[in-house]
């Protein structure tokens, strides 16, 4: 795969992510909250908790931390799991009127997001080499969008608070978020999963 095509694929991943991993679920969350569709709201709350890994990976990549590539790779795997895993939610969602716009959009989003995550996994697999080869061009491509977002945050942060936002701060927040995420995930694996199984509960 030539470098320019791989770079284009990475940018495509980020653009699709902005649509299917952020834009559409945000619309669905606001819509389902307004309609008081509790099953959809619960599913999306779980989704947002898991999808926060994408933000964590971008913060770590901004700070030039190699673990960011690994987090970026595993995040779509966990995202797919988070939207299909729950028996109780799947049953409740199946009971929603199939002809109404909200259930239709939800179903379309779940399948579109799953397809996007599969594409993401395939493209991100090669980035695992970046854990030991940070100076590779492939690795630089993965950091272009996080760096651009970091510049936007830096300018906004400086304008609003008159303080500095640096790559080191971004990496620190990324590590802090990752630690909190891992602790919460381990707690769920050890304490809640054996007890509740595939029941969404208070994930």
Protein backbone atom coordinates (compact mmCIF):
# COMPACT_ATOMS: atom_id res chain seq x y z
CA UNK A 1 0.00 0.00 0.00
CA UNK A 2 1.59 3.28 -1.05
CA UNK A 3 1.91 5.98 1.61
CA UNK A 4 -0.42 8.53 0.03
CA UNK A 5 -3.29 6.01 -0.18
CA UNK A 6 -2.73 4.91 3.41
CA UNK A 7 -2.79 8.54 4.54
CA UNK A 8 -6.07 9.05 2.69
CA UNK A 9 -7.54 5.99 4.40
CA UNK A 10 -6.54 7.30 7.81
CA UNK A 11 -8.22 10.63 7.09
CA UNK A 12 -11.28 8.74 5.88
CA UNK A 13 -11.33 6.83 9.17
CA UNK A 14 -11.35 10.08 11.14
CA UNK A 15 -14.04 11.64 8.95
CA UNK A 16 -16.27 8.58 9.23
CA UNK A 17 -15.61 8.54 12.95
CA UNK A 18 -16.80 12.14 13.26
CA UNK A 19 -20.06 11.08 11.57
CA UNK A 20 -20.83 7.63 12.95
CA UNK A 21 -18.97 7.68 16.27
CA UNK A 22 -19.85 11.23 17.32
CA UNK A 23 -22.42 13.05 15.20
CA UNK A 24 -25.15 10.42 14.79
CA UNK A 25 -25.01 9.04 18.35
CA UNK A 26 -25.22 12.60 19.68
CA UNK A 27 -28.35 13.22 17.59
CA UNK A 28 -29.79 9.88 18.73
CA UNK A 29 -29.03 10.63 22.36
CA UNK A 30 -30.72 14.03 22.28
CA UNK A 31 -33.69 12.65 20.33
CA UNK A 32 -34.19 9.57 22.53
CA UNK A 33 -33.86 11.68 25.68
CA UNK A 34 -36.54 14.07 24.40
CA UNK A 35 -38.79 11.10 23.51
CA UNK A 36 -38.01 9.39 26.85
CA UNK A 37 -37.03 6.12 25.15
CA UNK A 38 -35.21 4.64 28.13
CA UNK A 39 -33.75 1.59 26.34
CA UNK A 40 -32.13 3.73 23.65
CA UNK A 41 -30.86 6.22 26.23
CA UNK A 42 -29.29 3.39 28.27
CA UNK A 43 -27.65 1.91 25.19
CA UNK A 44 -26.20 5.27 24.21
CA UNK A 45 -24.95 5.99 27.72
CA UNK A 46 -23.05 2.71 27.60
CA UNK A 47 -21.79 3.59 24.14
CA UNK A 48 -20.45 6.99 25.23
CA UNK A 49 -18.60 5.42 28.16
CA UNK A 50 -16.87 2.94 25.85
CA UNK A 51 -16.34 5.40 23.00
CA UNK A 52 -14.45 7.72 25.33
CA UNK A 53 -11.47 5.50 24.50
CA UNK A 54 -11.32 7.22 21.11
CA UNK A 55 -10.78 10.59 22.80
CA UNK A 56 -8.22 9.07 25.16
CA UNK A 57 -6.30 7.60 22.22
CA UNK A 58 -6.26 10.98 20.45
CA UNK A 59 -4.93 12.70 23.57
CA UNK A 60 -2.18 10.11 23.89
CA UNK A 61 -1.29 10.38 20.20
CA UNK A 62 -1.15 14.15 20.56
CA UNK A 63 1.38 13.69 23.36
CA UNK A 64 3.44 11.27 21.22
CA UNK A 65 2.70 8.32 23.52
CA UNK A 66 3.04 4.96 21.70
CA UNK A 67 0.26 3.36 23.75
CA UNK A 68 -2.13 5.67 21.89
CA UNK A 69 -1.82 3.45 18.80
CA UNK A 70 -2.81 0.37 20.79
CA UNK A 71 -5.76 2.14 22.41
CA UNK A 72 -6.85 3.40 19.00
CA UNK A 73 -6.78 -0.19 17.69
CA UNK A 74 -8.79 -1.82 20.49
CA UNK A 75 -11.37 0.95 20.88
CA UNK A 76 -13.50 -0.04 17.82
CA UNK A 77 -13.52 -3.66 19.03
CA UNK A 78 -14.94 -2.59 22.38
CA UNK A 79 -17.37 -0.19 20.69
CA UNK A 80 -18.88 -2.95 18.54
CA UNK A 81 -19.25 -5.11 21.63
CA UNK A 82 -20.87 -2.30 23.61
CA UNK A 83 -23.76 -1.79 21.19
CA UNK A 84 -24.66 -5.46 20.63
CA UNK A 85 -23.70 -7.28 23.84
CA UNK A 86 -26.77 -6.67 26.02
CA UNK A 87 -29.61 -9.22 25.97
CA UNK A 88 -32.11 -7.05 27.83
CA UNK A 89 -31.49 -3.98 25.66
CA UNK A 90 -31.63 -5.99 22.43
CA UNK A 91 -35.01 -7.40 23.47
CA UNK A 92 -36.36 -3.97 24.43
CA UNK A 93 -35.12 -2.43 21.20
CA UNK A 94 -36.77 -5.19 19.16
CA UNK A 95 -40.08 -4.29 20.79
CA UNK A 96 -39.94 -0.67 19.60
CA UNK A 97 -42.28 0.15 16.69
CA UNK A 98 -40.25 -0.66 13.59
CA UNK A 99 -41.97 2.01 11.47
CA UNK A 100 -41.05 4.97 13.67
CA UNK A 101 -38.12 7.17 12.60
CA UNK A 102 -36.13 6.86 15.86
CA UNK A 103 -35.92 3.04 15.92
CA UNK A 104 -35.15 3.02 12.19
CA UNK A 105 -32.31 5.51 12.63
CA UNK A 106 -31.00 3.58 15.65
CA UNK A 107 -30.91 0.31 13.73
CA UNK A 108 -29.22 1.98 10.74
CA UNK A 109 -26.67 3.60 13.06
CA UNK A 110 -25.79 0.35 14.83
CA UNK A 111 -25.08 -1.42 11.54
CA UNK A 112 -23.27 1.59 10.05
CA UNK A 113 -21.15 1.97 13.18
CA UNK A 114 -20.32 -1.74 13.17
CA UNK A 115 -19.21 -1.51 9.53
CA UNK A 116 -17.14 1.59 10.31
CA UNK A 117 -15.49 -0.13 13.29
CA UNK A 118 -14.63 -3.16 11.14
CA UNK A 119 -13.01 -0.84 8.60
CA UNK A 120 -11.24 1.01 11.42
CA UNK A 121 -9.81 -2.24 12.84
CA UNK A 122 -8.39 -3.27 9.46
CA UNK A 123 -6.74 0.12 8.84
CA UNK A 124 -5.52 0.55 12.43
CA UNK A 125 -3.92 -2.90 12.53
CA UNK A 126 -0.88 -1.62 10.66
CA UNK A 127 -0.51 1.22 13.18
CA UNK A 128 0.50 -1.32 15.84
CA UNK A 129 3.96 -1.23 14.25
CA UNK A 130 4.14 2.40 15.37
CA UNK A 131 4.49 1.29 18.98
CA UNK A 132 8.13 0.54 18.16
CA UNK A 133 8.59 2.75 15.10
CA UNK A 134 7.41 6.21 16.08
CA UNK A 135 9.30 7.96 13.26
CA UNK A 136 7.60 6.03 10.46
CA UNK A 137 5.51 8.11 8.05
CA UNK A 138 2.56 5.85 8.74
CA UNK A 139 2.73 6.85 12.38
CA UNK A 140 2.90 10.55 11.54
CA UNK A 141 -0.32 10.22 9.54
CA UNK A 142 -2.19 8.87 12.55
CA UNK A 143 -1.15 11.91 14.57
CA UNK A 144 -2.21 14.55 12.03
CA UNK A 145 -5.85 14.83 13.07
CA UNK A 146 -5.15 14.62 16.85
CA UNK A 147 -2.51 17.33 16.42
CA UNK A 148 -4.96 19.55 14.56
CA UNK A 149 -7.58 19.02 17.24
CA UNK A 150 -4.96 19.76 19.89
CA UNK A 151 -4.14 23.07 18.21
CA UNK A 152 -7.83 24.00 18.26
CA UNK A 153 -8.08 23.11 21.95
CA UNK A 154 -4.91 25.06 22.68
CA UNK A 155 -6.19 28.20 20.97
CA UNK A 156 -9.60 27.90 22.66
CA UNK A 157 -8.03 27.19 26.05
CA UNK A 158 -5.69 30.16 25.75
CA UNK A 159 -8.50 32.46 24.62
CA UNK A 160 -10.93 31.48 27.39
CA UNK A 161 -8.55 31.02 30.31
CA UNK A 162 -5.35 32.77 29.29
CA UNK A 163 -3.41 29.62 30.16
CA UNK A 164 -1.21 27.25 28.21
CA UNK A 165 -2.40 23.94 26.80
CA UNK A 166 0.51 21.74 25.76
CA UNK A 167 1.06 18.28 24.34
CA UNK A 168 2.37 17.22 27.75
CA UNK A 169 -0.91 18.26 29.37
CA UNK A 170 -2.85 16.40 26.67
CA UNK A 171 -0.81 13.25 27.34
CA UNK A 172 -1.30 13.59 31.11
CA UNK A 173 -5.07 13.90 30.74
CA UNK A 174 -5.01 10.96 28.33
CA UNK A 175 -3.14 8.79 30.83
CA UNK A 176 -5.43 9.89 33.66
CA UNK A 177 -8.51 9.06 31.58
CA UNK A 178 -7.02 5.70 30.63
CA UNK A 179 -6.33 4.79 34.27
CA UNK A 180 -9.88 5.71 35.29
CA UNK A 181 -11.23 3.75 32.34
CA UNK A 182 -9.19 0.63 33.15
CA UNK A 183 -10.15 0.72 36.84
CA UNK A 184 -13.84 1.02 35.96
CA UNK A 185 -13.61 -1.74 33.34
CA UNK A 186 -11.82 -4.15 35.69
CA UNK A 187 -14.40 -3.45 38.39
CA UNK A 188 -17.18 -4.27 35.93
CA UNK A 189 -15.43 -7.46 34.75
CA UNK A 190 -14.78 -8.75 38.27
CA UNK A 191 -17.87 -7.60 40.16
CA UNK A 192 -20.78 -6.98 37.78
CA UNK A 193 -20.31 -9.28 34.78
CA UNK A 194 -20.28 -12.55 36.80
CA UNK A 195 -23.36 -11.40 38.73
CA UNK A 196 -25.46 -9.77 36.00
CA UNK A 197 -24.12 -11.39 32.81
CA UNK A 198 -25.37 -9.81 29.62
CA UNK A 199 -27.78 -7.51 31.45
CA UNK A 200 -26.94 -3.86 30.92
CA UNK A 201 -27.54 -2.88 34.54
CA UNK A 202 -25.40 0.08 35.55
CA UNK A 203 -22.48 -0.49 33.21
